[in-house]
Amino acid sequence: MNTYKKALLALTILTAMGGAVSSARANELAGVKVAKAVFDITTGDQKVFLDRMDLIRQTADGLRKKGIKPDFVLVIHGPAAKFATKTLVGTKFENEKLDDLTKAQSSLDSLKNSGAKIELCSIAMDRGHIAKDNVAPFAVIEDNVWENTIVLENKGYAYMPIH
């Protein structure tokens, strides 16, 4: 068999496999109306945080295009709590160098506006010296987001760690 015929055969096989993968993927999604996930967000790295927020947005958009409603809850605690503040001034994070806090705030606000719930842990607020009046309006203050995560997992939400 000459090189052209081998290449054509390989392309035909790959195309057929792609169809099989797409078909299998469609079967996985069949009947799913709502995709529930709780994102456990602790990363204090701004680059990682922004990347993951964009990935959450892309995931929600992709699900919507497939006719599936995303039901996402983002629980924020640990070093990530700084991204839910209006300002770092007066917090334990005030000496950290961030490129632009408004990028993180905008990404969270956008996710909230698209239907995600943003929860900020009051324990993380205490530990990070974040006053209630310094919490950005997109976030809901919760007593203990670990409790919320446990309950959501028991309600069938997929656990998605972002550390």
Protein backbone atom coordinates (compact mmCIF):
# COMPACT_ATOMS: atom_id res chain seq x y z
CA MET A 1 0.00 0.00 0.00
CA ASN A 2 1.47 3.36 -0.96
CA THR A 3 1.89 6.28 1.44
CA TYR A 4 -1.15 8.15 0.09
CA LYS A 5 -3.46 5.16 0.67
CA LYS A 6 -2.02 4.62 4.19
CA ALA A 7 -2.64 8.26 5.04
CA LEU A 8 -6.18 8.11 3.65
CA LEU A 9 -6.89 4.92 5.62
CA ALA A 10 -5.50 6.47 8.81
CA LEU A 11 -7.62 9.60 8.29
CA THR A 12 -10.72 7.49 7.71
CA ILE A 13 -10.10 5.50 10.91
CA LEU A 14 -9.46 8.65 12.97
CA THR A 15 -12.61 10.29 11.60
CA ALA A 16 -14.66 7.21 12.46
CA MET A 17 -13.15 7.14 15.96
CA GLY A 18 -13.97 10.81 16.43
CA GLY A 19 -17.57 10.04 15.58
CA ALA A 20 -17.59 7.19 18.08
CA VAL A 21 -16.17 9.44 20.77
CA SER A 22 -18.75 12.14 20.01
CA SER A 23 -21.51 9.52 20.11
CA ALA A 24 -20.27 8.14 23.45
CA ARG A 25 -20.09 11.68 24.80
CA ALA A 26 -23.65 12.35 23.66
CA ASN A 27 -24.78 9.19 25.49
CA GLU A 28 -23.14 10.41 28.71
CA LEU A 29 -25.09 13.67 28.51
CA ALA A 30 -28.41 12.08 27.53
CA GLY A 31 -31.16 12.92 29.97
CA VAL A 32 -29.08 15.32 32.04
CA LYS A 33 -31.00 18.55 32.61
CA VAL A 34 -28.94 20.08 35.43
CA ALA A 35 -25.23 19.77 36.28
CA LYS A 36 -24.57 20.45 39.97
CA ALA A 37 -21.06 21.24 41.21
CA VAL A 38 -19.49 22.82 44.26
CA PHE A 39 -16.12 24.43 43.60
CA ASP A 40 -13.90 24.44 46.72
CA ILE A 41 -11.68 27.46 46.10
CA THR A 42 -8.65 28.08 48.31
CA THR A 43 -5.89 29.18 45.93
CA GLY A 44 -4.33 32.51 46.74
CA ASP A 45 -2.39 32.57 43.47
CA GLN A 46 -4.03 35.23 41.31
CA LYS A 47 -2.97 33.71 37.99
CA VAL A 48 -4.31 30.27 38.96
CA PHE A 49 -7.47 31.82 40.41
CA LEU A 50 -8.25 33.80 37.26
CA ASP A 51 -7.52 30.81 35.05
CA ARG A 52 -9.87 28.57 37.05
CA MET A 53 -12.65 31.20 37.13
CA ASP A 54 -12.41 31.39 33.34
CA LEU A 55 -12.53 27.60 33.15
CA ILE A 56 -15.65 27.54 35.33
CA ARG A 57 -17.25 30.12 33.01
CA GLN A 58 -16.30 28.09 29.92
CA THR A 59 -17.72 24.95 31.53
CA ALA A 60 -21.02 26.67 32.35
CA ASP A 61 -21.24 28.05 28.80
CA GLY A 62 -20.47 24.64 27.30
CA LEU A 63 -23.15 22.96 29.40
CA ARG A 64 -25.71 25.60 28.42
CA LYS A 65 -24.93 25.03 24.73
CA LYS A 66 -25.73 21.34 25.29
CA GLY A 67 -29.06 22.20 26.92
CA ILE A 68 -27.84 21.51 30.47
CA LYS A 69 -28.37 24.09 33.22
CA PRO A 70 -25.26 24.62 35.35
CA ASP A 71 -26.01 24.79 39.08
CA PHE A 72 -22.67 25.96 40.43
CA VAL A 73 -21.73 26.99 43.96
CA LEU A 74 -18.30 28.51 44.56
CA VAL A 75 -17.17 28.25 48.19
CA ILE A 76 -14.28 30.58 48.90
CA HIS A 77 -12.01 30.28 51.92
CA GLY A 78 -8.36 30.30 52.92
CA PRO A 79 -6.06 32.57 50.88
CA ALA A 80 -8.72 32.86 48.13
CA ALA A 81 -10.85 34.96 50.49
CA LYS A 82 -8.87 38.01 49.41
CA PHE A 83 -10.44 37.84 45.94
CA ALA A 84 -13.91 38.44 47.42
CA THR A 85 -12.91 41.70 49.11
CA LYS A 86 -13.48 45.24 47.92
CA THR A 87 -9.93 46.11 48.96
CA LEU A 88 -6.97 44.40 50.57
CA VAL A 89 -6.33 47.44 52.81
CA GLY A 90 -6.71 46.45 56.44
CA THR A 91 -6.61 42.71 55.71
CA LYS A 92 -3.78 40.28 56.33
CA PHE A 93 -3.29 40.31 52.54
CA GLU A 94 -2.65 44.05 52.20
CA ASN A 95 1.09 43.65 51.56
CA GLU A 96 0.63 41.07 48.80
CA LYS A 97 1.36 42.10 45.24
CA LEU A 98 -1.62 41.51 42.98
CA ASP A 99 -1.70 42.52 39.33
CA ASP A 100 -5.23 43.83 39.64
CA LEU A 101 -7.81 42.82 42.25
CA THR A 102 -10.60 44.08 39.98
CA LYS A 103 -9.91 41.23 37.52
CA ALA A 104 -10.73 38.67 40.20
CA GLN A 105 -13.73 40.66 41.38
CA SER A 106 -15.04 41.00 37.81
CA SER A 107 -14.69 37.28 37.15
CA LEU A 108 -16.62 36.41 40.33
CA ASP A 109 -19.26 39.05 39.64
CA SER A 110 -19.69 37.72 36.11
CA LEU A 111 -20.09 34.15 37.40
CA LYS A 112 -22.70 35.33 39.90
CA ASN A 113 -24.58 37.19 37.18
CA SER A 114 -24.62 34.03 35.08
CA GLY A 115 -26.28 32.10 37.91
CA ALA A 116 -23.48 30.80 40.14
CA LYS A 117 -23.70 31.28 43.89
CA ILE A 118 -20.58 32.75 45.51
CA GLU A 119 -20.09 31.91 49.19
CA LEU A 120 -17.37 33.40 51.39
CA CYS A 121 -16.47 31.68 54.65
CA SER A 122 -16.73 33.82 57.78
CA ILE A 123 -13.95 31.74 59.37
CA ALA A 124 -11.63 32.72 56.51
CA MET A 125 -12.78 36.31 56.93
CA ASP A 126 -11.81 36.26 60.62
CA ARG A 127 -8.45 34.65 59.87
CA GLY A 128 -7.79 37.09 57.02
CA HIS A 129 -8.94 40.14 59.00
CA ILE A 130 -11.66 40.88 56.44
CA ALA A 131 -14.44 43.08 57.75
CA LYS A 132 -18.04 42.39 56.67
CA ASP A 133 -18.28 45.81 55.04
CA ASN A 134 -15.21 44.93 52.93
CA VAL A 135 -16.88 41.95 51.25
CA ALA A 136 -17.75 42.53 47.60
CA PRO A 137 -21.50 42.49 46.87
CA PHE A 138 -21.36 39.35 44.72
CA ALA A 139 -20.48 37.18 47.75
CA VAL A 140 -22.77 35.78 50.41
CA ILE A 141 -21.11 35.36 53.81
CA GLU A 142 -21.58 31.86 55.22
CA ASP A 143 -20.65 30.63 58.71
CA ASN A 144 -18.58 27.66 57.55
CA VAL A 145 -18.28 26.72 53.86
CA TRP A 146 -17.01 23.25 54.74
CA GLU A 147 -20.44 22.54 56.23
CA ASN A 148 -22.05 23.84 53.03
CA THR A 149 -19.74 21.72 50.89
CA ILE A 150 -20.57 18.57 52.85
CA VAL A 151 -24.30 19.21 52.55
CA LEU A 152 -24.05 20.00 48.83
CA GLU A 153 -22.06 16.83 48.19
CA ASN A 154 -24.76 14.87 50.02
CA LYS A 155 -27.30 16.50 47.68
CA GLY A 156 -25.41 15.20 44.65
CA TYR A 157 -23.15 18.15 43.80
CA ALA A 158 -19.84 17.16 42.23
CA TYR A 159 -16.85 18.23 44.34
CA MET A 160 -14.39 20.32 42.31
CA PRO A 161 -11.26 21.36 44.27
CA ILE A 162 -9.37 24.48 43.23
CA HIS A 163 -6.28 24.69 45.45
